[in-house]
Protein backbone atom coordinates (compact mmCIF):
# COMPACT_ATOMS: atom_id res chain seq x y z
CA UNK A 1 17.32 3.38 18.90
CA UNK A 2 18.81 0.09 21.22
CA UNK A 3 19.12 -3.17 19.06
CA UNK A 4 18.01 -1.31 15.59
CA UNK A 5 19.62 -1.04 12.51
CA UNK A 6 20.67 1.62 10.59
CA UNK A 7 21.30 1.51 6.59
CA UNK A 8 23.39 5.22 5.88
CA UNK A 9 24.94 6.19 2.83
CA UNK A 10 27.18 9.12 2.86
CA UNK A 11 28.47 8.07 6.28
CA UNK A 12 32.21 8.46 6.22
CA UNK A 13 32.41 12.22 6.66
CA UNK A 14 30.61 15.43 7.59
CA UNK A 15 26.83 15.04 8.62
CA UNK A 16 26.59 11.93 7.80
CA UNK A 17 29.47 10.41 9.97
CA UNK A 18 28.00 12.65 12.89
CA UNK A 19 24.55 11.03 12.49
CA UNK A 20 25.84 7.57 12.42
CA UNK A 21 28.01 8.34 15.44
CA UNK A 22 25.07 9.55 17.64
CA UNK A 23 22.74 7.35 16.48
CA UNK A 24 25.38 4.40 17.43
CA UNK A 25 25.85 6.20 20.91
CA UNK A 26 22.13 5.55 21.10
CA UNK A 27 22.12 1.72 20.48
CA UNK A 28 22.06 1.43 17.01
CA UNK A 29 23.77 -0.77 14.75
CA UNK A 30 25.08 0.85 11.79
CA UNK A 31 25.52 -0.68 8.07
CA UNK A 32 27.07 1.94 6.04
CA UNK A 33 27.94 2.30 2.30
CA UNK A 34 31.17 4.40 1.73
CA UNK A 35 33.25 5.07 -1.99
CA UNK A 36 36.83 5.24 0.50
CA UNK A 37 37.79 2.35 1.92
CA UNK A 38 40.45 4.42 4.14
CA UNK A 39 37.65 6.93 5.36
CA UNK A 40 35.43 3.56 5.72
CA UNK A 41 37.59 1.95 8.19
CA UNK A 42 38.44 5.24 10.03
CA UNK A 43 34.85 5.52 10.00
CA UNK A 44 34.30 1.83 11.77
CA UNK A 45 36.19 2.57 14.20
CA UNK A 46 34.47 5.78 15.25
CA UNK A 47 31.34 3.84 15.60
CA UNK A 48 32.82 1.07 17.53
CA UNK A 49 33.66 3.39 20.43
CA UNK A 50 30.57 5.12 20.00
CA UNK A 51 28.90 1.92 20.27
CA UNK A 52 31.04 -0.68 21.63
CA UNK A 53 29.95 -4.43 21.32
CA UNK A 54 27.71 -4.35 18.04
CA UNK A 55 28.37 -5.43 14.61
CA UNK A 56 28.66 -2.55 12.64
CA UNK A 57 29.52 -2.71 9.07
CA UNK A 58 30.80 -1.32 6.30
CA UNK A 59 30.15 -2.01 2.15
CA UNK A 60 31.83 -0.11 -0.54
CA UNK A 61 30.74 1.25 -3.97
CA UNK A 62 30.70 4.19 -6.18
CA UNK A 63 27.00 5.57 -5.84
CA UNK A 64 27.86 7.32 -8.89
CA UNK A 65 26.92 3.70 -11.05
CA UNK A 66 23.83 1.83 -11.39
CA UNK A 67 25.43 -1.04 -11.46
CA UNK A 68 27.40 0.10 -7.71
CA UNK A 69 24.56 1.17 -6.84
CA UNK A 70 22.45 -2.20 -7.44
CA UNK A 71 25.25 -4.36 -6.10
CA UNK A 72 25.57 -2.67 -3.01
CA UNK A 73 22.28 -2.39 -2.07
CA UNK A 74 21.92 -6.45 -2.96
CA UNK A 75 24.25 -7.33 -0.47
CA UNK A 76 22.92 -4.91 2.23
CA UNK A 77 19.34 -6.79 1.52
CA UNK A 78 20.77 -10.46 1.42
CA UNK A 79 23.02 -9.44 4.39
CA UNK A 80 20.23 -7.64 6.49
CA UNK A 81 17.31 -9.62 8.04
CA UNK A 82 15.77 -6.35 8.99
CA UNK A 83 16.25 -2.43 8.23
CA UNK A 84 14.57 -0.42 10.70
CA UNK A 85 16.14 2.67 9.14
CA UNK A 86 17.33 3.92 5.58
CA UNK A 87 19.23 7.05 5.45
CA UNK A 88 20.04 8.09 2.39
CA UNK A 89 22.30 11.02 2.60
CA UNK A 90 25.34 10.95 -0.57
CA UNK A 91 25.93 13.43 -2.16
CA UNK A 92 28.06 16.13 -3.93
CA UNK A 93 28.58 19.04 -6.56
CA UNK A 94 30.94 18.95 -9.26
CA UNK A 95 32.65 21.26 -11.24
CA UNK A 96 31.96 20.66 -14.85
CA UNK A 97 29.11 17.95 -16.25
CA UNK A 98 30.65 14.58 -16.13
CA UNK A 99 28.48 11.66 -17.84
CA UNK A 100 28.63 8.31 -15.99
CA UNK A 101 29.41 4.58 -17.95
CA UNK A 102 25.80 4.49 -17.47
CA UNK A 103 25.16 8.03 -19.63
CA UNK A 104 24.33 9.98 -16.76
CA UNK A 105 25.01 13.29 -15.84
CA UNK A 106 26.96 12.05 -12.37
CA UNK A 107 25.28 14.96 -9.92
CA UNK A 108 21.80 13.57 -11.24
CA UNK A 109 23.28 9.80 -10.98
CA UNK A 110 24.50 10.16 -7.54
CA UNK A 111 22.46 12.78 -5.76
CA UNK A 112 19.19 11.11 -6.55
CA UNK A 113 19.40 7.59 -8.64
CA UNK A 114 21.22 6.28 -5.65
CA UNK A 115 18.67 7.32 -3.55
CA UNK A 116 15.92 5.75 -5.55
CA UNK A 117 17.69 2.64 -6.56
CA UNK A 118 19.09 1.73 -2.68
CA UNK A 119 15.38 2.41 -1.88
CA UNK A 120 13.75 0.16 -4.75
CA UNK A 121 16.11 -2.72 -3.48
CA UNK A 122 15.91 -2.21 0.23
CA UNK A 123 11.78 -1.59 -0.25
CA UNK A 124 11.18 -5.52 1.38
CA UNK A 125 13.43 -5.28 3.82
CA UNK A 126 11.91 -2.17 5.33
CA UNK A 127 8.31 -3.30 5.26
CA UNK A 128 9.07 -6.47 6.90
CA UNK A 129 10.22 -4.18 9.84
CA UNK A 130 7.42 -2.63 11.99
CA UNK A 131 7.76 1.21 11.80
CA UNK A 132 10.49 1.16 9.89
CA UNK A 133 12.01 4.89 8.06
CA UNK A 134 13.29 6.45 5.84
CA UNK A 135 14.89 9.73 5.45
CA UNK A 136 15.77 11.54 2.63
CA UNK A 137 18.91 14.45 2.83
CA UNK A 138 17.96 17.38 0.54
CA UNK A 139 18.51 20.60 0.68
CA UNK A 140 16.98 24.63 1.15
CA UNK A 141 18.94 24.78 -2.46
CA UNK A 142 15.98 23.15 -4.07
CA UNK A 143 14.15 26.54 -3.72
CA UNK A 144 16.45 27.76 -6.63
CA UNK A 145 15.26 24.61 -9.06
CA UNK A 146 12.32 23.63 -11.08
CA UNK A 147 11.84 20.29 -12.90
CA UNK A 148 12.12 20.52 -16.94
CA UNK A 149 10.92 16.96 -17.71
CA UNK A 150 12.73 17.59 -21.52
CA UNK A 151 16.17 18.27 -19.80
CA UNK A 152 16.32 15.87 -16.82
CA UNK A 153 20.05 16.22 -16.78
CA UNK A 154 20.56 19.23 -17.82
CA UNK A 155 22.46 18.39 -21.31
CA UNK A 156 21.84 22.29 -22.28
CA UNK A 157 22.44 24.82 -19.98
CA UNK A 158 24.49 23.00 -17.76
CA UNK A 159 26.03 24.82 -14.36
CA UNK A 160 27.40 22.87 -11.38
CA UNK A 161 25.50 24.92 -9.00
CA UNK A 162 22.38 24.60 -10.86
CA UNK A 163 22.68 20.43 -11.24
CA UNK A 164 22.84 20.66 -7.51
CA UNK A 165 19.89 23.02 -6.64
CA UNK A 166 18.13 20.68 -9.42
CA UNK A 167 18.75 17.47 -7.96
CA UNK A 168 17.57 18.52 -4.40
CA UNK A 169 14.48 19.12 -6.20
CA UNK A 170 14.26 15.71 -7.09
CA UNK A 171 14.53 13.91 -3.44
CA UNK A 172 11.72 16.30 -2.39
CA UNK A 173 9.62 15.16 -5.11
CA UNK A 174 10.96 11.42 -4.28
CA UNK A 175 10.39 12.17 -0.91
CA UNK A 176 6.57 12.53 -1.74
CA UNK A 177 5.74 10.12 -4.48
CA UNK A 178 7.70 7.21 -1.70
CA UNK A 179 5.48 8.56 0.56
CA UNK A 180 2.40 8.21 -1.13
CA UNK A 181 3.36 4.59 -2.25
CA UNK A 182 3.67 3.54 0.98
CA UNK A 183 0.89 4.77 3.03
CA UNK A 184 -0.97 2.20 5.02
CA UNK A 185 2.51 -0.42 5.04
CA UNK A 186 3.29 1.50 8.20
CA UNK A 187 7.02 2.62 6.79
CA UNK A 188 7.31 6.13 6.24
CA UNK A 189 9.53 8.75 4.55
CA UNK A 190 10.42 11.85 5.25
CA UNK A 191 13.14 14.20 4.21
CA UNK A 192 15.23 17.07 4.82
CA UNK A 193 17.25 20.42 5.10
CA UNK A 194 20.47 20.11 7.34
CA UNK A 195 21.62 23.81 6.89
CA UNK A 196 24.80 24.76 5.38
CA UNK A 197 27.65 22.81 6.70
CA UNK A 198 30.86 23.33 6.72
CA UNK A 199 32.00 19.24 5.56
CA UNK A 200 33.91 18.03 2.71
CA UNK A 201 31.22 18.99 0.57
CA UNK A 202 32.51 20.75 -2.72
CA UNK A 203 36.06 20.25 -1.71
CA UNK A 204 37.14 18.51 -4.66
CA UNK A 205 36.09 20.97 -7.23
CA UNK A 206 38.00 23.43 -9.32
CA UNK A 207 35.82 25.93 -10.42
CA UNK A 208 34.38 29.31 -8.57
CA UNK A 209 31.52 27.21 -7.78
CA UNK A 210 33.45 25.42 -4.97
CA UNK A 211 35.73 28.47 -4.03
CA UNK A 212 32.57 30.05 -3.14
CA UNK A 213 31.57 27.27 -0.89
CA UNK A 214 34.72 26.53 0.72
CA UNK A 215 34.90 30.80 1.47
CA UNK A 216 31.10 30.63 3.15
CA UNK A 217 31.98 27.48 4.90
CA UNK A 218 33.96 29.67 7.39
CA UNK A 219 30.37 31.17 8.07
CA UNK A 220 28.43 27.61 8.31
CA UNK A 221 26.59 25.26 10.87
CA UNK A 222 29.56 22.35 12.27
CA UNK A 223 27.95 19.14 10.82
CA UNK A 224 26.93 18.60 14.70
CA UNK A 225 24.43 21.24 14.24
CA UNK A 226 23.85 20.24 10.95
CA UNK A 227 22.80 16.40 11.83
CA UNK A 228 20.29 17.23 14.70
CA UNK A 229 17.15 16.94 11.96
CA UNK A 230 18.92 13.94 10.65
CA UNK A 231 18.91 12.12 14.12
CA UNK A 232 15.47 13.53 14.85
CA UNK A 233 13.78 12.10 12.32
CA UNK A 234 15.79 8.62 12.52
CA UNK A 235 14.41 8.52 15.85
CA UNK A 236 12.35 10.69 17.46
CA UNK A 237 8.75 9.26 18.63
CA UNK A 238 7.42 12.65 17.07
CA UNK A 239 8.84 12.21 13.62
CA UNK A 240 7.64 8.49 13.45
CA UNK A 241 3.84 9.96 13.30
CA UNK A 242 4.69 11.88 10.11
CA UNK A 243 5.11 11.03 6.40
CA UNK A 244 5.74 12.72 3.05
CA UNK A 245 7.27 15.71 4.77
CA UNK A 246 10.41 18.32 4.50
CA UNK A 247 12.10 19.61 7.60
CA UNK A 248 14.09 21.96 8.66
CA UNK A 249 15.35 22.43 12.17
CA UNK A 250 13.50 19.50 13.63
CA UNK A 251 10.26 20.37 12.27
CA UNK A 252 8.21 20.30 8.97
CA UNK A 253 8.39 23.04 6.55
CA UNK A 254 6.73 23.95 3.39
CA UNK A 255 9.09 23.37 -0.16
CA UNK A 256 7.90 25.05 -2.83
CA UNK A 257 5.25 25.05 -5.44
CA UNK A 258 7.60 23.35 -7.41
CA UNK A 259 8.61 20.59 -4.54
CA UNK A 260 4.65 19.79 -4.25
CA UNK A 261 3.66 19.08 -7.55
CA UNK A 262 2.32 15.71 -7.07
CA UNK A 263 2.01 14.90 -10.83
CA UNK A 264 5.80 15.68 -11.60
CA UNK A 265 6.17 13.55 -8.57
CA UNK A 266 4.73 10.25 -10.31
CA UNK A 267 6.66 11.39 -13.37
CA UNK A 268 9.77 11.68 -12.12
CA UNK A 269 9.18 8.11 -10.23
CA UNK A 270 8.30 6.74 -14.03
CA UNK A 271 11.16 8.55 -15.26
CA UNK A 272 13.98 7.03 -12.84
CA UNK A 273 12.52 3.85 -13.14
CA UNK A 274 12.98 3.53 -16.46
CA UNK A 275 16.41 4.24 -15.89
CA UNK A 276 16.82 1.93 -13.66
CA UNK A 277 15.53 -0.63 -15.70
CA UNK A 278 12.78 -1.19 -12.72
CA UNK A 279 9.29 -1.73 -13.20
CA UNK A 280 7.01 1.31 -12.14
C-alpha cells in the first residue's frame, strides 16, 4: 500500500477506523469522510501516528443528504489526482422512520445512496488509477431481505431492522452491477460481511432493536477482527483478481438468490441514478 491513496467513509470509529489505521501503517495515504469534527480530529491524530510523514486528510459531510454526498465527493475528486481504493463504509440503523430533506428514508439514503453517489462522482479518478479497487461494506443481514421495487424505502411496513437488512441487500446488488459496468476497465469492485462487530453501531438508537444490539455486542467480534476482510480486499494480491464478489472471512461467499439477481441489480442502479439526478 506504499504510496497509494485510500478514500474511506465511516472511518472515525469501528471497523472503518481500524481499517484506515492498518492501511496507513502499511504506507497508504488516507482520505476519509466523517460527520463529527472532534472524532475526525482524533482519527487524523491516530493516522499520523500509524503512518507518519503522510498527508492524511479529513473531509466532513452528512452522508444522508444528497447535496452533501455530492459536495464532498466533488471536493475529493478535485483534490485527489488518483484514488487507488475507495471504501464505502458509512452506515447506521435508526430507531424510527426518518425522512431526509430529499424525501428519502434515512437508512436508504446513508447506507445505499451514499455508496452510489460517491462512487459515481469518483469514477473517473478510479479509472485513471491502474489497478484501482472499490470495497463496499455490506452484511449477512441481507439474508433477511428481499427487493420490492414498489416500495424500496419502506413507506409502508417500516421496521428499523427491516430497513437496515434491505440496505445491505442493496449494497450487494449495487456491487454486482458496478462490477459488470467496470468489466474490462481494470477497476474491480467487491463487497463484504465484516461479521457482527462491537462498535458504535446503534448506540444512538432508543428502541427495542437498539437495545438488543447493545446487549449482543458483549458477544460480538472486536473491530480489529471485523476489519480484516476490508483490509484484505483493499490490499491483498489475491483479492485483486476478483470482482463482483461477496466476501466473508477473507473468502468469497455466496449471497442469497435475491442478492444474485442481475436484473434487480440493473433496475436498482437505474432507480438510484434517477434519485441522484445522474444519467444512467
